[in-house]
Amino acid sequence: GAPGLLWKENREGSSGSDGDNEDSDQSGKEPRQQDSPPPGTVGGLEPGNAQEPSVHAFTPLQLQELERIFQRKKFPSEFLRRRLARSMNVTELAVQIWFENRRAKWRRHQRALMARN
């Protein structure tokens, strides 16, 4: 999986002997990759499931790169987001959300500066 990706549910290391493991009754089925969401999910949410989305913690080097690009482009294109995601080994959604949150932080800062003047 992607380094720095934190899943709400840690499936690794669970033996499945406690009976609470959803995957324990799937012994005849092909095992699912443990560190990525199942196909068709968006942002860590399975369709019709009320789980919280996964939380992404970027490494300091990834943050430095994201900040560098943010200084030049507040609204990166889909192509740039996709390229960034691939180069950092994270999901495009994680990059998109980072830019949304960073723009919100930037706007708050701008409003605070305007309030001082």
N, C-alpha and C. Protein backbone atom coordinates (compact mmCIF):
# COMPACT_ATOMS: atom_id res chain seq x y z
N GLY A 1 0.80 -1.20 0.00
CA GLY A 1 0.00 0.00 0.00
C GLY A 1 0.83 1.25 0.00
N ALA A 2 0.19 2.37 -0.04
CA ALA A 2 0.87 3.65 -0.07
C ALA A 2 1.48 3.96 1.29
N PRO A 3 2.74 4.40 1.30
CA PRO A 3 3.34 4.75 2.59
C PRO A 3 2.63 5.94 3.20
N GLY A 4 2.42 5.89 4.49
CA GLY A 4 1.80 7.00 5.18
C GLY A 4 0.28 6.95 5.19
N LEU A 5 -0.31 5.96 4.50
CA LEU A 5 -1.76 5.86 4.47
C LEU A 5 -2.24 5.17 5.72
N LEU A 6 -3.13 5.81 6.44
CA LEU A 6 -3.63 5.26 7.69
C LEU A 6 -5.07 4.81 7.49
N TRP A 7 -5.34 3.55 7.69
CA TRP A 7 -6.69 3.04 7.57
C TRP A 7 -7.31 2.98 8.96
N LYS A 8 -8.60 3.27 9.04
CA LYS A 8 -9.32 3.21 10.31
C LYS A 8 -9.33 1.80 10.86
N GLU A 9 -9.29 0.83 9.97
CA GLU A 9 -9.38 -0.56 10.37
C GLU A 9 -8.07 -1.23 10.05
N ASN A 10 -7.43 -1.84 10.98
CA ASN A 10 -6.17 -2.51 10.73
C ASN A 10 -6.45 -3.99 10.57
N ARG A 11 -6.50 -4.45 9.33
CA ARG A 11 -6.79 -5.86 9.07
C ARG A 11 -5.54 -6.72 9.22
N GLU A 12 -4.37 -6.12 9.12
CA GLU A 12 -3.14 -6.89 9.23
C GLU A 12 -2.93 -7.31 10.67
N GLY A 13 -2.47 -8.52 10.83
CA GLY A 13 -2.17 -9.01 12.16
C GLY A 13 -3.36 -9.59 12.88
N SER A 14 -4.55 -9.55 12.28
CA SER A 14 -5.70 -10.15 12.95
C SER A 14 -5.81 -11.59 12.50
N SER A 15 -5.96 -12.47 13.43
CA SER A 15 -5.97 -13.89 13.11
C SER A 15 -7.32 -14.36 12.61
N GLY A 16 -8.38 -13.62 12.91
CA GLY A 16 -9.71 -14.00 12.48
C GLY A 16 -10.34 -15.03 13.39
N SER A 17 -9.68 -15.39 14.49
CA SER A 17 -10.20 -16.42 15.38
C SER A 17 -11.22 -15.88 16.37
N ASP A 18 -11.38 -14.56 16.44
CA ASP A 18 -12.32 -14.00 17.40
C ASP A 18 -13.76 -13.99 16.89
N GLY A 19 -13.96 -14.36 15.62
CA GLY A 19 -15.30 -14.44 15.07
C GLY A 19 -15.84 -13.11 14.58
N ASP A 20 -15.16 -11.99 14.88
CA ASP A 20 -15.63 -10.68 14.45
C ASP A 20 -15.08 -10.29 13.08
N ASN A 21 -14.17 -11.05 12.55
CA ASN A 21 -13.54 -10.73 11.29
C ASN A 21 -14.50 -11.05 10.15
N GLU A 22 -14.84 -10.04 9.36
CA GLU A 22 -15.77 -10.20 8.25
C GLU A 22 -15.23 -11.15 7.20
N ASP A 23 -13.93 -11.20 7.02
CA ASP A 23 -13.33 -12.00 5.97
C ASP A 23 -13.14 -13.46 6.36
N SER A 24 -13.44 -13.83 7.60
CA SER A 24 -13.16 -15.18 8.06
C SER A 24 -14.01 -16.23 7.36
N ASP A 25 -15.20 -15.84 6.85
CA ASP A 25 -16.06 -16.82 6.19
C ASP A 25 -15.80 -16.87 4.69
N GLN A 26 -14.75 -16.24 4.22
CA GLN A 26 -14.45 -16.21 2.80
C GLN A 26 -13.27 -17.11 2.46
N SER A 27 -13.15 -18.24 3.12
CA SER A 27 -11.98 -19.10 2.93
C SER A 27 -11.89 -19.64 1.51
N GLY A 28 -13.00 -19.83 0.83
CA GLY A 28 -12.97 -20.36 -0.52
C GLY A 28 -12.79 -19.29 -1.58
N LYS A 29 -12.94 -18.04 -1.22
CA LYS A 29 -12.83 -16.95 -2.18
C LYS A 29 -11.40 -16.46 -2.28
N GLU A 30 -11.14 -15.75 -3.36
CA GLU A 30 -9.81 -15.18 -3.54
C GLU A 30 -9.56 -14.12 -2.48
N PRO A 31 -8.42 -14.16 -1.79
CA PRO A 31 -8.15 -13.16 -0.74
C PRO A 31 -8.00 -11.77 -1.34
N ARG A 32 -8.51 -10.81 -0.62
CA ARG A 32 -8.43 -9.41 -1.04
C ARG A 32 -7.11 -8.84 -0.57
N GLN A 33 -6.56 -7.91 -1.34
CA GLN A 33 -5.32 -7.24 -0.93
C GLN A 33 -5.60 -6.49 0.36
N GLN A 34 -4.73 -6.66 1.36
CA GLN A 34 -5.00 -6.16 2.70
C GLN A 34 -4.82 -4.66 2.85
N ASP A 35 -3.97 -4.04 2.05
CA ASP A 35 -3.66 -2.63 2.30
C ASP A 35 -4.31 -1.67 1.33
N SER A 36 -5.29 -2.12 0.56
CA SER A 36 -6.00 -1.20 -0.31
C SER A 36 -7.48 -1.49 -0.26
N PRO A 37 -8.30 -0.46 -0.49
CA PRO A 37 -9.75 -0.68 -0.45
C PRO A 37 -10.19 -1.57 -1.61
N PRO A 38 -11.33 -2.23 -1.48
CA PRO A 38 -11.80 -3.08 -2.56
C PRO A 38 -12.12 -2.27 -3.80
N PRO A 39 -12.11 -2.90 -4.97
CA PRO A 39 -12.42 -2.17 -6.21
C PRO A 39 -13.81 -1.54 -6.12
N GLY A 40 -13.96 -0.37 -6.73
CA GLY A 40 -15.24 0.31 -6.73
C GLY A 40 -15.47 1.22 -5.54
N THR A 41 -14.51 1.30 -4.64
CA THR A 41 -14.68 2.18 -3.48
C THR A 41 -14.10 3.55 -3.80
N VAL A 42 -14.62 4.55 -3.15
CA VAL A 42 -14.15 5.92 -3.34
C VAL A 42 -13.75 6.47 -1.98
N GLY A 43 -12.50 6.85 -1.84
CA GLY A 43 -12.03 7.46 -0.59
C GLY A 43 -12.12 6.54 0.61
N GLY A 44 -12.04 5.22 0.38
CA GLY A 44 -12.09 4.29 1.50
C GLY A 44 -13.50 3.92 1.92
N LEU A 45 -14.50 4.41 1.20
CA LEU A 45 -15.88 4.08 1.55
C LEU A 45 -16.42 3.03 0.60
N GLU A 46 -16.98 1.97 1.14
CA GLU A 46 -17.65 1.00 0.31
C GLU A 46 -19.06 1.52 0.05
N PRO A 47 -19.59 1.26 -1.14
CA PRO A 47 -20.95 1.74 -1.42
C PRO A 47 -21.95 1.22 -0.40
N GLY A 48 -22.77 2.10 0.14
CA GLY A 48 -23.79 1.70 1.10
C GLY A 48 -23.27 1.42 2.49
N ASN A 49 -22.03 1.72 2.76
CA ASN A 49 -21.44 1.45 4.07
C ASN A 49 -21.16 2.78 4.75
N ALA A 50 -21.51 2.91 6.02
CA ALA A 50 -21.38 4.19 6.73
C ALA A 50 -20.07 4.29 7.50
N GLN A 51 -18.96 3.90 6.89
CA GLN A 51 -17.66 4.03 7.54
C GLN A 51 -17.11 5.42 7.28
N GLU A 52 -16.18 5.83 8.12
CA GLU A 52 -15.47 7.09 7.88
C GLU A 52 -14.42 6.83 6.80
N PRO A 53 -14.15 7.83 5.96
CA PRO A 53 -13.11 7.64 4.95
C PRO A 53 -11.73 7.50 5.60
N SER A 54 -10.80 6.93 4.85
CA SER A 54 -9.46 6.78 5.38
C SER A 54 -8.80 8.14 5.56
N VAL A 55 -7.87 8.23 6.48
CA VAL A 55 -7.15 9.47 6.76
C VAL A 55 -5.75 9.31 6.20
N HIS A 56 -5.30 10.32 5.50
CA HIS A 56 -3.97 10.22 4.91
C HIS A 56 -2.99 11.14 5.62
N ALA A 57 -1.87 10.58 6.02
CA ALA A 57 -0.80 11.37 6.63
C ALA A 57 0.35 11.40 5.62
N PHE A 58 0.60 12.56 5.07
CA PHE A 58 1.69 12.70 4.11
C PHE A 58 3.03 12.77 4.84
N THR A 59 4.07 12.29 4.19
CA THR A 59 5.42 12.38 4.75
C THR A 59 5.88 13.84 4.62
N PRO A 60 6.88 14.24 5.40
CA PRO A 60 7.39 15.61 5.28
C PRO A 60 7.86 15.96 3.87
N LEU A 61 8.47 15.00 3.18
CA LEU A 61 8.93 15.24 1.82
C LEU A 61 7.75 15.45 0.87
N GLN A 62 6.69 14.66 1.04
CA GLN A 62 5.49 14.82 0.22
C GLN A 62 4.84 16.19 0.49
N LEU A 63 4.77 16.57 1.76
CA LEU A 63 4.20 17.88 2.11
C LEU A 63 4.99 19.02 1.49
N GLN A 64 6.30 18.88 1.50
CA GLN A 64 7.16 19.91 0.91
C GLN A 64 6.85 20.07 -0.57
N GLU A 65 6.70 18.95 -1.26
CA GLU A 65 6.38 18.99 -2.69
C GLU A 65 4.99 19.58 -2.94
N LEU A 66 4.02 19.18 -2.14
CA LEU A 66 2.66 19.71 -2.28
C LEU A 66 2.64 21.22 -2.03
N GLU A 67 3.34 21.67 -1.00
CA GLU A 67 3.40 23.11 -0.69
C GLU A 67 4.07 23.88 -1.81
N ARG A 68 5.13 23.32 -2.37
CA ARG A 68 5.86 23.97 -3.47
C ARG A 68 4.92 24.19 -4.65
N ILE A 69 4.13 23.19 -4.97
CA ILE A 69 3.19 23.31 -6.09
C ILE A 69 2.06 24.26 -5.73
N PHE A 70 1.60 24.21 -4.48
CA PHE A 70 0.51 25.10 -4.05
C PHE A 70 0.91 26.57 -4.19
N GLN A 71 2.18 26.90 -3.94
CA GLN A 71 2.64 28.28 -4.06
C GLN A 71 2.49 28.79 -5.49
N ARG A 72 2.61 27.88 -6.46
CA ARG A 72 2.49 28.28 -7.87
C ARG A 72 1.07 28.14 -8.39
N LYS A 73 0.36 27.10 -7.95
CA LYS A 73 -0.98 26.82 -8.47
C LYS A 73 -1.90 26.45 -7.33
N LYS A 74 -2.88 27.30 -7.08
CA LYS A 74 -3.86 27.00 -6.03
C LYS A 74 -4.85 25.93 -6.49
N PHE A 75 -5.07 25.86 -7.80
CA PHE A 75 -6.02 24.90 -8.37
C PHE A 75 -5.32 24.07 -9.44
N PRO A 76 -4.62 23.01 -9.04
CA PRO A 76 -3.92 22.19 -10.03
C PRO A 76 -4.93 21.44 -10.92
N SER A 77 -4.53 21.22 -12.14
CA SER A 77 -5.39 20.50 -13.08
C SER A 77 -5.51 19.03 -12.66
N GLU A 78 -6.49 18.38 -13.24
CA GLU A 78 -6.66 16.95 -12.97
C GLU A 78 -5.41 16.18 -13.39
N PHE A 79 -4.83 16.57 -14.51
CA PHE A 79 -3.61 15.92 -14.99
C PHE A 79 -2.48 16.06 -13.97
N LEU A 80 -2.30 17.28 -13.44
CA LEU A 80 -1.24 17.52 -12.46
C LEU A 80 -1.50 16.73 -11.17
N ARG A 81 -2.76 16.72 -10.71
CA ARG A 81 -3.09 15.95 -9.50
C ARG A 81 -2.79 14.47 -9.71
N ARG A 82 -3.15 13.95 -10.88
CA ARG A 82 -2.91 12.54 -11.17
C ARG A 82 -1.42 12.24 -11.20
N ARG A 83 -0.67 13.13 -11.85
CA ARG A 83 0.79 12.95 -11.93
C ARG A 83 1.43 13.00 -10.54
N LEU A 84 0.99 13.96 -9.72
CA LEU A 84 1.49 14.07 -8.36
C LEU A 84 1.20 12.81 -7.55
N ALA A 85 -0.03 12.34 -7.66
CA ALA A 85 -0.44 11.15 -6.91
C ALA A 85 0.43 9.95 -7.30
N ARG A 86 0.64 9.79 -8.60
CA ARG A 86 1.48 8.66 -9.04
C ARG A 86 2.91 8.80 -8.55
N SER A 87 3.45 10.00 -8.64
CA SER A 87 4.85 10.19 -8.25
C SER A 87 5.06 10.03 -6.74
N MET A 88 4.01 10.31 -5.94
CA MET A 88 4.12 10.19 -4.48
C MET A 88 3.56 8.87 -3.96
N ASN A 89 3.04 8.05 -4.87
CA ASN A 89 2.47 6.76 -4.50
C ASN A 89 1.31 6.91 -3.51
N VAL A 90 0.41 7.87 -3.81
CA VAL A 90 -0.79 8.07 -3.01
C VAL A 90 -1.97 8.14 -3.98
N THR A 91 -3.18 8.17 -3.47
CA THR A 91 -4.34 8.24 -4.34
C THR A 91 -4.55 9.67 -4.83
N GLU A 92 -5.17 9.78 -5.98
CA GLU A 92 -5.49 11.10 -6.51
C GLU A 92 -6.45 11.82 -5.58
N LEU A 93 -7.34 11.06 -4.94
CA LEU A 93 -8.29 11.65 -4.01
C LEU A 93 -7.57 12.29 -2.82
N ALA A 94 -6.52 11.64 -2.32
CA ALA A 94 -5.75 12.20 -1.20
C ALA A 94 -5.13 13.54 -1.60
N VAL A 95 -4.61 13.61 -2.82
CA VAL A 95 -4.01 14.86 -3.31
C VAL A 95 -5.09 15.93 -3.48
N GLN A 96 -6.22 15.55 -4.04
CA GLN A 96 -7.31 16.49 -4.23
C GLN A 96 -7.80 17.06 -2.90
N ILE A 97 -7.97 16.20 -1.92
CA ILE A 97 -8.43 16.65 -0.61
C ILE A 97 -7.39 17.54 0.06
N TRP A 98 -6.10 17.20 -0.11
CA TRP A 98 -5.06 18.04 0.47
C TRP A 98 -5.15 19.46 -0.10
N PHE A 99 -5.32 19.58 -1.42
CA PHE A 99 -5.42 20.91 -2.03
C PHE A 99 -6.68 21.64 -1.56
N GLU A 100 -7.79 20.94 -1.42
CA GLU A 100 -9.01 21.58 -0.91
C GLU A 100 -8.79 22.12 0.50
N ASN A 101 -8.19 21.30 1.35
CA ASN A 101 -7.93 21.73 2.74
C ASN A 101 -6.91 22.86 2.78
N ARG A 102 -5.91 22.79 1.92
CA ARG A 102 -4.87 23.83 1.91
C ARG A 102 -5.43 25.16 1.44
N ARG A 103 -6.34 25.12 0.44
CA ARG A 103 -6.98 26.36 -0.02
C ARG A 103 -7.84 26.96 1.09
N ALA A 104 -8.53 26.12 1.84
CA ALA A 104 -9.36 26.61 2.96
C ALA A 104 -8.47 27.29 4.00
N LYS A 105 -7.34 26.69 4.29
CA LYS A 105 -6.40 27.28 5.25
C LYS A 105 -5.87 28.61 4.72
N TRP A 106 -5.56 28.65 3.43
CA TRP A 106 -5.06 29.88 2.81
C TRP A 106 -6.11 30.98 2.87
N ARG A 107 -7.38 30.65 2.60
CA ARG A 107 -8.46 31.65 2.66
C ARG A 107 -8.64 32.18 4.08
N ARG A 108 -8.57 31.29 5.07
CA ARG A 108 -8.67 31.74 6.47
C ARG A 108 -7.56 32.72 6.79
N HIS A 109 -6.37 32.41 6.33
CA HIS A 109 -5.22 33.29 6.57
C HIS A 109 -5.44 34.65 5.89
N GLN A 110 -5.94 34.62 4.66
CA GLN A 110 -6.20 35.87 3.93
C GLN A 110 -7.25 36.71 4.65
N ARG A 111 -8.30 36.08 5.14
CA ARG A 111 -9.34 36.81 5.87
C ARG A 111 -8.79 37.42 7.15
N ALA A 112 -7.92 36.69 7.84
CA ALA A 112 -7.32 37.20 9.08
C ALA A 112 -6.45 38.42 8.78
N LEU A 113 -5.72 38.38 7.65
CA LEU A 113 -4.90 39.53 7.26
C LEU A 113 -5.76 40.74 6.95
N MET A 114 -6.89 40.51 6.27
CA MET A 114 -7.80 41.60 5.92
C MET A 114 -8.44 42.18 7.18
N ALA A 115 -8.73 41.37 8.15
CA ALA A 115 -9.37 41.83 9.39
C ALA A 115 -8.40 42.72 10.18
N ARG A 116 -7.11 42.47 10.08
CA ARG A 116 -6.12 43.27 10.79
C ARG A 116 -5.99 44.66 10.19
N ASN A 117 -6.22 44.78 8.89
CA ASN A 117 -6.03 46.07 8.19
C ASN A 117 -7.24 46.95 8.25
